[in-house]
Protein backbone atom coordinates (compact mmCIF):
# COMPACT_ATOMS: atom_id res chain seq x y z
CA MET A 1 -50.00 -66.70 31.22
CA ASP A 2 -51.34 -64.86 33.80
CA SER A 3 -50.74 -60.60 33.55
CA THR A 4 -49.50 -61.10 36.87
CA LEU A 5 -46.49 -64.05 36.83
CA ARG A 6 -45.48 -62.89 33.69
CA ALA A 7 -44.43 -59.43 35.14
CA GLU A 8 -42.87 -61.60 38.32
CA LEU A 9 -40.49 -63.60 35.39
CA ASP A 10 -40.21 -60.78 33.92
CA GLY A 11 -38.50 -58.63 37.44
CA LEU A 12 -36.53 -62.31 38.09
CA LEU A 13 -35.20 -61.73 34.48
CA HIS A 14 -33.85 -58.48 35.12
CA ARG A 15 -31.89 -59.38 38.60
CA ARG A 16 -30.41 -61.86 37.15
CA ILE A 17 -29.40 -60.02 34.23
CA ALA A 18 -28.42 -57.27 36.45
CA GLU A 19 -26.18 -59.62 38.72
CA PHE A 20 -24.46 -61.74 35.59
CA GLU A 21 -23.49 -58.08 34.35
CA ALA A 22 -21.92 -57.56 37.28
CA GLY A 23 -20.34 -60.85 37.33
CA CYS A 24 -18.74 -60.48 34.50
CA ALA A 25 -17.58 -56.61 35.13
CA ALA A 26 -15.82 -58.03 38.23
CA GLY A 27 -14.41 -61.18 36.86
CA SER A 28 -12.85 -58.90 34.17
CA SER A 29 -11.05 -57.01 36.23
CA ARG A 30 -9.80 -60.73 38.14
CA SER A 31 -8.89 -62.33 34.49
CA GLU A 32 -6.91 -60.05 33.18
CA ALA A 33 -3.54 -61.87 31.95
CA VAL A 34 -0.87 -63.41 34.51
CA GLU A 35 2.39 -62.61 34.26
CA LEU A 36 4.90 -64.08 35.97
CA ASP A 37 8.84 -63.04 36.78
CA GLN A 38 9.96 -66.70 35.94
CA ALA A 39 13.54 -66.08 37.34
CA ARG A 40 11.76 -65.25 40.73
CA VAL A 41 8.70 -67.67 40.87
CA GLY A 42 8.82 -71.54 40.74
CA ARG A 43 7.61 -73.31 37.69
CA LEU A 44 5.06 -75.06 40.35
CA SER A 45 3.92 -71.18 40.95
CA ARG A 46 3.30 -70.88 37.52
CA MET A 47 1.43 -73.70 36.77
CA ASP A 48 -1.17 -72.96 39.25
CA ALA A 49 -1.08 -69.37 38.28
CA MET A 50 -2.10 -70.50 34.48
CA GLN A 51 -4.61 -73.28 36.07
CA GLN A 52 -6.74 -70.37 37.72
CA GLN A 53 -6.14 -68.39 34.91
CA ALA A 54 -8.12 -71.07 33.37
CA MET A 55 -10.53 -71.63 35.73
CA LEU A 56 -11.60 -67.85 35.19
CA ASP A 57 -11.37 -68.24 31.42
CA ALA A 58 -13.71 -70.84 31.48
CA THR A 59 -16.25 -69.34 34.43
CA LYS A 60 -16.11 -66.26 32.46
CA ILE A 61 -17.17 -68.38 29.12
CA ARG A 62 -20.12 -70.05 31.00
CA ASN A 63 -21.23 -66.29 32.50
CA GLN A 64 -21.35 -64.17 29.52
CA GLN A 65 -23.58 -68.40 28.25
CA GLU A 66 -25.80 -67.90 30.82
CA LEU A 67 -26.79 -63.96 30.22
CA LYS A 68 -26.77 -64.49 26.91
CA ARG A 69 -29.76 -67.25 28.01
CA LEU A 70 -31.59 -64.77 30.01
CA VAL A 71 -31.39 -62.30 28.08
CA ARG A 72 -33.04 -64.44 24.61
CA ALA A 73 -35.85 -65.06 27.71
CA LEU A 74 -36.34 -61.90 28.42
CA ALA A 75 -36.98 -61.10 24.80
CA ARG A 76 -39.11 -64.21 24.80
CA VAL A 77 -41.10 -62.57 27.79
CA GLU A 78 -42.34 -59.58 25.82
CA SER A 79 -43.85 -61.76 23.14
CA ASP A 80 -46.41 -64.49 22.87
CA ASP A 81 -44.34 -67.17 23.02
CA PHE A 82 -42.55 -67.09 26.30
CA GLY A 83 -44.24 -69.63 28.27
CA TYR A 84 -44.17 -71.84 26.19
CA CYS A 85 -42.19 -75.27 24.80
CA GLU A 86 -40.04 -74.12 22.07
CA GLU A 87 -40.21 -78.66 21.12
CA CYS A 88 -43.83 -79.19 21.73
CA GLY A 89 -44.99 -76.04 21.90
CA GLU A 90 -46.82 -76.81 25.52
CA PRO A 91 -47.22 -74.33 28.86
CA ILE A 92 -44.20 -74.45 30.88
CA ALA A 93 -45.10 -75.13 34.19
CA ALA A 94 -44.91 -71.98 36.17
CA GLY A 95 -42.52 -73.67 38.91
CA ARG A 96 -40.17 -74.43 36.57
CA LEU A 97 -40.22 -71.19 35.13
CA ARG A 98 -39.68 -69.81 38.77
CA ILE A 99 -36.50 -71.63 39.09
CA ASP A 100 -35.47 -70.82 35.59
CA PRO A 101 -37.22 -68.09 33.97
CA ALA A 102 -34.84 -68.55 31.04
CA ALA A 103 -35.77 -72.05 30.37
CA HIS A 104 -37.52 -72.67 27.04
CA LEU A 105 -38.34 -76.45 26.84
CA CYS A 106 -40.71 -78.26 29.70
CA VAL A 107 -39.71 -80.99 31.89
CA GLU A 108 -40.85 -84.48 29.61
CA CYS A 109 -39.12 -82.13 26.07
CA ALA A 110 -36.09 -81.04 28.20
CA ALA A 111 -35.58 -84.69 29.92
CA GLN A 112 -35.30 -86.13 25.83
CA HIS A 113 -32.26 -83.53 25.17
C-alpha cells in the first residue's frame, strides 16, 4: 500500500474515532436510568420510557463496539498488516478501505462469513 493511501486512511480513522468518542460522551448523558414517579405517570408512559432506555443502551453498545473496531484498525495502520485480508492475506481493495477503513477482510472472504 502506498504511503498516500495509508495517510488518507489514517486520517479517516482518526476522524471517525473522534466522532464516535464524541457520540459516546454525548450519549452517556442521555442514557442515565429512567426514573418515573409511578403515582403520576401511567403504565404506558413507563413502558415507553423503558423501551427508549433499552434502545439507548443498545446504541451505546453498538457505538462502543464500532469504536473498538476503529481503534484496532488504527493499530493495524501502524503495522505492516494493514490493507491485507486477515483470512487469505491478499490486499484489500483501496475502494473498500475508503468506505470502511476498519475492514479486515477482502470482499471474497467477507462474503464467506
